[in-house]
Amino acid sequence: MVDDDFRVAGIHAARVARVDGFECVGQVYSAAAAREAIVRLNPDLLLLDVHLPDEDGLSLLRSLQAAGTQVDCIIITAAQDLATVTSAMASGAVYYLVKPFSFDRLRTQLEAYRKWRQELESASTADQATIDGLYNARGAGARPAAPAPRLQPTMQKALDAVRAAGAPVSAGEIAGQLGVSRPTAQRYLSALERKGLLILDLTYGTTGRPLNSYTVP
């Protein structure tokens, strides 16, 4: 798991562990740490963010491919511009997941990847039927996603406000922006966190009581 945000990396690692046959062997937060971990842990698959503090994730992927490193990659990123998507495809990524994504979406793609690997390892020839089967297996998870559920208007505004903040924000701050009470803002933020659209961050102050703040995955 390669992501610049340790909280997001932890959430995705926990999700990976819930899929039968998969285990997250390491979490790192930079390209340099990823290179060291790949040599040390020899993983089969990277879940790789594009935005890393020391190097673009796609640049990292291209350098791994050029060096002949035997590791597959699923890109996980908030980037939705076509240039980034096509660059990921050209760089050898087996799939591309846009954050935030649901556990079911991740599980579907991991299971498709596992099926592809199993068929690849069991194949003894490379005739056209075998080749077609391998391509079909790898693309099995690439079905159109179901439309995102429509959120209640104020809940959508709360989500948009957290996204726009660019840093963890509290229910009180969101309440002030939306012109609603703090309990109302907290209710919407908690619902968004349960849906997997926000991440809850607990910060402990001098009183020992945690401050709930929220950010996007």
C-alpha atoms as a PDB file:
ATOM      1  CA  MET A   1       0.000   0.000   0.000  1.00  0.00           C
ATOM      2  CA  VAL A   2       1.612   3.250  -1.173  1.00  0.00           C
ATOM      3  CA  ASP A   3      -0.226   6.426  -0.150  1.00  0.00           C
ATOM      4  CA  ASP A   4       1.016   9.748   1.153  1.00  0.00           C
ATOM      5  CA  ASP A   5      -1.663   9.798   3.884  1.00  0.00           C
ATOM      6  CA  PHE A   6      -1.021   7.169   6.570  1.00  0.00           C
ATOM      7  CA  ARG A   7      -4.667   7.216   7.647  1.00  0.00           C
ATOM      8  CA  VAL A   8      -5.906   6.463   4.140  1.00  0.00           C
ATOM      9  CA  ALA A   9      -3.243   3.787   3.722  1.00  0.00           C
ATOM     10  CA  GLY A  10      -4.423   2.144   6.931  1.00  0.00           C
ATOM     11  CA  ILE A  11      -8.053   2.158   5.853  1.00  0.00           C
ATOM     12  CA  HIS A  12      -7.260   0.612   2.480  1.00  0.00           C
ATOM     13  CA  ALA A  13      -4.935  -1.964   4.057  1.00  0.00           C
ATOM     14  CA  ALA A  14      -7.729  -3.028   6.409  1.00  0.00           C
ATOM     15  CA  ARG A  15     -10.077  -3.364   3.452  1.00  0.00           C
ATOM     16  CA  VAL A  16      -7.564  -5.505   1.552  1.00  0.00           C
ATOM     17  CA  ALA A  17      -7.304  -7.829   4.565  1.00  0.00           C
ATOM     18  CA  ARG A  18     -11.067  -8.439   4.370  1.00  0.00           C
ATOM     19  CA  VAL A  19     -10.764  -9.968   0.876  1.00  0.00           C
ATOM     20  CA  ASP A  20     -10.088 -13.717   0.928  1.00  0.00           C
ATOM     21  CA  GLY A  21      -6.631 -14.605  -0.312  1.00  0.00           C
ATOM     22  CA  PHE A  22      -5.152 -11.130   0.145  1.00  0.00           C
ATOM     23  CA  GLU A  23      -2.855  -9.692   2.782  1.00  0.00           C
ATOM     24  CA  CYS A  24      -1.307  -6.231   2.965  1.00  0.00           C
ATOM     25  CA  VAL A  25       2.369  -6.918   3.663  1.00  0.00           C
ATOM     26  CA  GLY A  26       3.358  -3.281   4.098  1.00  0.00           C
ATOM     27  CA  GLN A  27       2.264   0.355   4.146  1.00  0.00           C
ATOM     28  CA  VAL A  28       4.560   3.151   2.963  1.00  0.00           C
ATOM     29  CA  TYR A  29       4.034   6.834   2.321  1.00  0.00           C
ATOM     30  CA  SER A  30       6.634   7.852  -0.277  1.00  0.00           C
ATOM     31  CA  ALA A  31       8.180   6.582  -3.505  1.00  0.00           C
ATOM     32  CA  ALA A  32      11.571   6.060  -1.869  1.00  0.00           C
ATOM     33  CA  ALA A  33      10.025   3.950   0.881  1.00  0.00           C
ATOM     34  CA  ALA A  34       8.062   2.028  -1.748  1.00  0.00           C
ATOM     35  CA  ARG A  35      11.230   1.087  -3.635  1.00  0.00           C
ATOM     36  CA  GLU A  36      12.859  -0.194  -0.440  1.00  0.00           C
ATOM     37  CA  ALA A  37       9.745  -2.109   0.619  1.00  0.00           C
ATOM     38  CA  ILE A  38       9.343  -3.763  -2.797  1.00  0.00           C
ATOM     39  CA  VAL A  39      12.900  -5.133  -2.613  1.00  0.00           C
ATOM     40  CA  ARG A  40      12.440  -6.274   0.980  1.00  0.00           C
ATOM     41  CA  LEU A  41       8.889  -7.665   0.833  1.00  0.00           C
ATOM     42  CA  ASN A  42       8.578  -8.771  -2.825  1.00  0.00           C
ATOM     43  CA  PRO A  43       4.825  -8.055  -3.096  1.00  0.00           C
ATOM     44  CA  ASP A  44       2.665  -9.318  -5.957  1.00  0.00           C
ATOM     45  CA  LEU A  45       0.578  -6.151  -6.224  1.00  0.00           C
ATOM     46  CA  LEU A  46       0.895  -2.459  -5.383  1.00  0.00           C
ATOM     47  CA  LEU A  47      -2.032  -0.234  -4.547  1.00  0.00           C
ATOM     48  CA  LEU A  48      -0.335   2.980  -5.622  1.00  0.00           C
ATOM     49  CA  ASP A  49      -1.385   6.587  -5.169  1.00  0.00           C
ATOM     50  CA  VAL A  50      -0.379   9.087  -7.848  1.00  0.00           C
ATOM     51  CA  HIS A  51       0.375  12.015  -5.531  1.00  0.00           C
ATOM     52  CA  LEU A  52       3.400  11.174  -3.376  1.00  0.00           C
ATOM     53  CA  PRO A  53       5.610  13.687  -1.545  1.00  0.00           C
ATOM     54  CA  ASP A  54       8.867  12.854  -3.315  1.00  0.00           C
ATOM     55  CA  GLU A  55       7.873  11.534  -6.750  1.00  0.00           C
ATOM     56  CA  ASP A  56       4.856  11.102  -8.962  1.00  0.00           C
ATOM     57  CA  GLY A  57       3.399   7.618  -8.520  1.00  0.00           C
ATOM     58  CA  LEU A  58       3.263   7.030 -12.270  1.00  0.00           C
ATOM     59  CA  SER A  59       6.934   7.918 -12.559  1.00  0.00           C
ATOM     60  CA  LEU A  60       7.636   5.353  -9.856  1.00  0.00           C
ATOM     61  CA  LEU A  61       5.616   2.736 -11.741  1.00  0.00           C
ATOM     62  CA  ARG A  62       7.427   3.443 -15.025  1.00  0.00           C
ATOM     63  CA  SER A  63      10.823   3.139 -13.350  1.00  0.00           C
ATOM     64  CA  LEU A  64       9.832  -0.193 -11.802  1.00  0.00           C
ATOM     65  CA  GLN A  65       8.711  -1.468 -15.194  1.00  0.00           C
ATOM     66  CA  ALA A  66      11.931  -0.264 -16.849  1.00  0.00           C
ATOM     67  CA  ALA A  67      14.004  -2.046 -14.210  1.00  0.00           C
ATOM     68  CA  GLY A  68      12.127  -5.292 -14.819  1.00  0.00           C
ATOM     69  CA  THR A  69      10.636  -5.377 -11.317  1.00  0.00           C
ATOM     70  CA  GLN A  70       8.029  -8.121 -11.184  1.00  0.00           C
ATOM     71  CA  VAL A  71       5.159  -6.372  -9.438  1.00  0.00           C
ATOM     72  CA  ASP A  72       1.661  -5.515 -10.648  1.00  0.00           C
ATOM     73  CA  CYS A  73      -0.090  -2.268  -9.814  1.00  0.00           C
ATOM     74  CA  ILE A  74      -3.576  -0.872  -9.290  1.00  0.00           C
ATOM     75  CA  ILE A  75      -3.604   2.929  -9.232  1.00  0.00           C
ATOM     76  CA  ILE A  76      -5.704   4.477  -6.443  1.00  0.00           C
ATOM     77  CA  THR A  77      -6.111   8.241  -6.769  1.00  0.00           C
ATOM     78  CA  ALA A  78      -8.541  11.131  -6.765  1.00  0.00           C
ATOM     79  CA  ALA A  79      -7.197  12.246 -10.151  1.00  0.00           C
ATOM     80  CA  GLN A  80      -9.863  11.934 -12.843  1.00  0.00           C
ATOM     81  CA  ASP A  81      -8.225  13.770 -15.744  1.00  0.00           C
ATOM     82  CA  LEU A  82      -7.859  11.734 -18.910  1.00  0.00           C
ATOM     83  CA  ALA A  83      -4.127  12.433 -19.196  1.00  0.00           C
ATOM     84  CA  THR A  84      -3.441  10.746 -15.851  1.00  0.00           C
ATOM     85  CA  VAL A  85      -5.680   7.786 -16.720  1.00  0.00           C
ATOM     86  CA  THR A  86      -4.038   7.188 -20.106  1.00  0.00           C
ATOM     87  CA  SER A  87      -0.573   7.601 -18.559  1.00  0.00           C
ATOM     88  CA  ALA A  88      -1.433   4.967 -15.949  1.00  0.00           C
ATOM     89  CA  MET A  89      -2.566   2.569 -18.672  1.00  0.00           C
ATOM     90  CA  ALA A  90       0.565   3.174 -20.729  1.00  0.00           C
ATOM     91  CA  SER A  91       2.712   2.688 -17.622  1.00  0.00           C
ATOM     92  CA  GLY A  92       1.362  -0.817 -17.074  1.00  0.00           C
ATOM     93  CA  ALA A  93      -1.254  -0.377 -14.334  1.00  0.00           C
ATOM     94  CA  VAL A  94      -3.690  -3.284 -14.390  1.00  0.00           C
ATOM     95  CA  TYR A  95      -6.536  -1.067 -13.172  1.00  0.00           C
ATOM     96  CA  TYR A  96      -7.376   2.441 -11.934  1.00  0.00           C
ATOM     97  CA  LEU A  97      -9.631   3.182  -8.940  1.00  0.00           C
ATOM     98  CA  VAL A  98     -10.869   6.713  -8.268  1.00  0.00           C
ATOM     99  CA  LYS A  99     -11.016   7.772  -4.620  1.00  0.00           C
ATOM    100  CA  PRO A 100     -13.210   7.544  -2.704  1.00  0.00           C
ATOM    101  CA  PHE A 101     -14.240   4.028  -3.706  1.00  0.00           C
ATOM    102  CA  SER A 102     -16.342   1.502  -1.843  1.00  0.00           C
ATOM    103  CA  PHE A 103     -15.111  -1.723  -0.307  1.00  0.00           C
ATOM    104  CA  ASP A 104     -17.249  -3.672  -2.792  1.00  0.00           C
ATOM    105  CA  ARG A 105     -15.551  -1.897  -5.691  1.00  0.00           C
ATOM    106  CA  LEU A 106     -12.108  -2.729  -4.325  1.00  0.00           C
ATOM    107  CA  ARG A 107     -13.060  -6.330  -3.601  1.00  0.00           C
ATOM    108  CA  THR A 108     -14.437  -6.836  -7.116  1.00  0.00           C
ATOM    109  CA  GLN A 109     -11.198  -5.648  -8.689  1.00  0.00           C
ATOM    110  CA  LEU A 110      -8.973  -7.627  -6.334  1.00  0.00           C
ATOM    111  CA  GLU A 111     -10.942 -10.790  -7.055  1.00  0.00           C
ATOM    112  CA  ALA A 112     -10.651 -10.132 -10.807  1.00  0.00           C
ATOM    113  CA  TYR A 113      -6.902  -9.657 -10.379  1.00  0.00           C
ATOM    114  CA  ARG A 114      -6.622 -12.905  -8.415  1.00  0.00           C
ATOM    115  CA  LYS A 115      -8.500 -14.821 -11.130  1.00  0.00           C
ATOM    116  CA  TRP A 116      -6.216 -13.339 -13.784  1.00  0.00           C
ATOM    117  CA  ARG A 117      -3.102 -14.336 -11.860  1.00  0.00           C
ATOM    118  CA  GLN A 118      -4.401 -17.869 -11.335  1.00  0.00           C
ATOM    119  CA  GLU A 119      -5.148 -18.302 -15.033  1.00  0.00           C
ATOM    120  CA  LEU A 120      -1.787 -16.818 -15.992  1.00  0.00           C
ATOM    121  CA  GLU A 121       0.120 -19.167 -13.690  1.00  0.00           C
ATOM    122  CA  SER A 122      -1.829 -22.255 -14.823  1.00  0.00           C
ATOM    123  CA  ALA A 123      -1.556 -21.553 -18.569  1.00  0.00           C
ATOM    124  CA  SER A 124       0.878 -23.779 -20.468  1.00  0.00           C
ATOM    125  CA  THR A 125       0.491 -22.294 -23.949  1.00  0.00           C
ATOM    126  CA  ALA A 126      -0.149 -18.895 -25.486  1.00  0.00           C
ATOM    127  CA  ASP A 127      -2.646 -19.787 -28.183  1.00  0.00           C
ATOM    128  CA  GLN A 128      -5.395 -17.318 -29.040  1.00  0.00           C
ATOM    129  CA  ALA A 129      -7.949 -18.938 -26.722  1.00  0.00           C
ATOM    130  CA  THR A 130      -5.562 -18.703 -23.782  1.00  0.00           C
ATOM    131  CA  ILE A 131      -4.703 -15.089 -24.608  1.00  0.00           C
ATOM    132  CA  ASP A 132      -8.388 -14.157 -24.882  1.00  0.00           C
ATOM    133  CA  GLY A 133      -9.075 -15.811 -21.532  1.00  0.00           C
ATOM    134  CA  LEU A 134      -6.281 -13.881 -19.817  1.00  0.00           C
ATOM    135  CA  TYR A 135      -7.474 -10.547 -21.172  1.00  0.00           C
ATOM    136  CA  ASN A 136     -11.061 -11.327 -20.210  1.00  0.00           C
ATOM    137  CA  ALA A 137     -10.032 -12.361 -16.693  1.00  0.00           C
ATOM    138  CA  ARG A 138      -8.050  -9.174 -16.101  1.00  0.00           C
ATOM    139  CA  GLY A 139     -10.944  -7.026 -17.276  1.00  0.00           C
ATOM    140  CA  ALA A 140     -13.583  -8.866 -15.255  1.00  0.00           C
ATOM    141  CA  GLY A 141     -13.646  -6.198 -12.576  1.00  0.00           C
ATOM    142  CA  ALA A 142     -13.856  -3.316 -15.032  1.00  0.00           C
ATOM    143  CA  ARG A 143     -17.596  -3.125 -15.227  1.00  0.00           C
ATOM    144  CA  PRO A 144     -19.320   0.259 -15.182  1.00  0.00           C
ATOM    145  CA  ALA A 145     -19.751   1.435 -11.615  1.00  0.00           C
ATOM    146  CA  ALA A 146     -23.255   1.884 -10.306  1.00  0.00           C
ATOM    147  CA  PRO A 147     -24.263   5.550 -10.218  1.00  0.00           C
ATOM    148  CA  ALA A 148     -23.292   7.210  -6.966  1.00  0.00           C
ATOM    149  CA  PRO A 149     -26.271   7.484  -4.621  1.00  0.00           C
ATOM    150  CA  ARG A 150     -27.864  10.925  -4.499  1.00  0.00           C
ATOM    151  CA  LEU A 151     -27.241  12.629  -1.190  1.00  0.00           C
ATOM    152  CA  GLN A 152     -29.667  14.866   0.650  1.00  0.00           C
ATOM    153  CA  PRO A 153     -28.808  18.452  -0.448  1.00  0.00           C
ATOM    154  CA  THR A 154     -27.386  19.640   2.880  1.00  0.00           C
ATOM    155  CA  MET A 155     -25.373  16.420   3.238  1.00  0.00           C
ATOM    156  CA  GLN A 156     -23.939  16.991  -0.235  1.00  0.00           C
ATOM    157  CA  LYS A 157     -23.013  20.553   0.775  1.00  0.00           C
ATOM    158  CA  ALA A 158     -21.270  19.170   3.866  1.00  0.00           C
ATOM    159  CA  LEU A 159     -19.282  16.736   1.718  1.00  0.00           C
ATOM    160  CA  ASP A 160     -18.369  19.494  -0.751  1.00  0.00           C
ATOM    161  CA  ALA A 161     -17.227  21.732   2.118  1.00  0.00           C
ATOM    162  CA  VAL A 162     -14.904  19.066   3.520  1.00  0.00           C
ATOM    163  CA  ARG A 163     -13.473  18.417   0.046  1.00  0.00           C
ATOM    164  CA  ALA A 164     -12.874  22.134  -0.489  1.00  0.00           C
ATOM    165  CA  ALA A 165     -11.113  22.528   2.860  1.00  0.00           C
ATOM    166  CA  GLY A 166      -8.108  20.464   1.809  1.00  0.00           C
ATOM    167  CA  ALA A 167      -7.405  19.588   5.469  1.00  0.00           C
ATOM    168  CA  PRO A 168      -9.307  17.982   8.368  1.00  0.00           C
ATOM    169  CA  VAL A 169     -12.235  20.140   9.511  1.00  0.00           C
ATOM    170  CA  SER A 170     -14.549  19.889  12.501  1.00  0.00           C
ATOM    171  CA  ALA A 171     -18.321  19.746  12.690  1.00  0.00           C
ATOM    172  CA  GLY A 172     -18.282  23.238  14.192  1.00  0.00           C
ATOM    173  CA  GLU A 173     -16.426  24.632  11.180  1.00  0.00           C
ATOM    174  CA  ILE A 174     -18.802  22.938   8.747  1.00  0.00           C
ATOM    175  CA  ALA A 175     -21.799  24.170  10.752  1.00  0.00           C
ATOM    176  CA  GLY A 176     -20.524  27.732  10.434  1.00  0.00           C
ATOM    177  CA  GLN A 177     -20.069  27.398   6.683  1.00  0.00           C
ATOM    178  CA  LEU A 178     -23.488  25.847   6.074  1.00  0.00           C
ATOM    179  CA  GLY A 179     -25.462  27.941   8.564  1.00  0.00           C
ATOM    180  CA  VAL A 180     -26.749  24.920  10.500  1.00  0.00           C
ATOM    181  CA  SER A 181     -26.363  23.830  14.100  1.00  0.00           C
ATOM    182  CA  ARG A 182     -23.297  21.874  15.164  1.00  0.00           C
ATOM    183  CA  PRO A 183     -25.342  18.729  16.027  1.00  0.00           C
ATOM    184  CA  THR A 184     -26.909  18.835  12.561  1.00  0.00           C
ATOM    185  CA  ALA A 185     -23.519  19.165  10.901  1.00  0.00           C
ATOM    186  CA  GLN A 186     -22.175  16.333  13.079  1.00  0.00           C
ATOM    187  CA  ARG A 187     -25.073  14.089  12.045  1.00  0.00           C
ATOM    188  CA  TYR A 188     -24.366  14.661   8.345  1.00  0.00           C
ATOM    189  CA  LEU A 189     -20.625  14.167   8.745  1.00  0.00           C
ATOM    190  CA  SER A 190     -21.120  10.950  10.696  1.00  0.00           C
ATOM    191  CA  ALA A 191     -23.447   9.643   7.981  1.00  0.00           C
ATOM    192  CA  LEU A 192     -20.876  10.492   5.296  1.00  0.00           C
ATOM    193  CA  GLU A 193     -18.177   8.704   7.296  1.00  0.00           C
ATOM    194  CA  ARG A 194     -20.361   5.574   7.538  1.00  0.00           C
ATOM    195  CA  LYS A 195     -20.838   5.670   3.766  1.00  0.00           C
ATOM    196  CA  GLY A 196     -17.061   5.671   3.302  1.00  0.00           C
ATOM    197  CA  LEU A 197     -17.054   9.169   1.766  1.00  0.00           C
ATOM    198  CA  LEU A 198     -15.191  10.799   4.654  1.00  0.00           C
ATOM    199  CA  ILE A 199     -12.494   9.735   7.112  1.00  0.00           C
ATOM    200  CA  LEU A 200     -12.856  10.449  10.827  1.00  0.00           C
ATOM    201  CA  ASP A 201      -9.719  11.853  12.470  1.00  0.00           C
ATOM    202  CA  LEU A 202      -9.524  11.968  16.288  1.00  0.00           C
ATOM    203  CA  THR A 203      -7.261  14.641  17.787  1.00  0.00           C
ATOM    204  CA  TYR A 204      -6.759  14.703  21.553  1.00  0.00           C
ATOM    205  CA  GLY A 205      -6.373  18.070  23.230  1.00  0.00           C
ATOM    206  CA  THR A 206      -5.152  19.055  26.686  1.00  0.00           C
ATOM    207  CA  THR A 207      -8.454  18.054  28.305  1.00  0.00           C
ATOM    208  CA  GLY A 208      -8.124  14.487  27.059  1.00  0.00           C
ATOM    209  CA  ARG A 209     -11.365  14.713  25.117  1.00  0.00           C
ATOM    210  CA  PRO A 210     -10.992  13.911  21.397  1.00  0.00           C
ATOM    211  CA  LEU A 211     -11.884  16.445  18.720  1.00  0.00           C
ATOM    212  CA  ASN A 212     -13.633  14.851  15.765  1.00  0.00           C
ATOM    213  CA  SER A 213     -12.473  16.189  12.422  1.00  0.00           C
ATOM    214  CA  TYR A 214     -13.107  14.926   8.934  1.00  0.00           C
ATOM    215  CA  THR A 215     -11.268  14.696   5.644  1.00  0.00           C
ATOM    216  CA  VAL A 216     -11.788  12.937   2.313  1.00  0.00           C
ATOM    217  CA  PRO A 217     -10.117   9.568   1.590  1.00  0.00           C
END
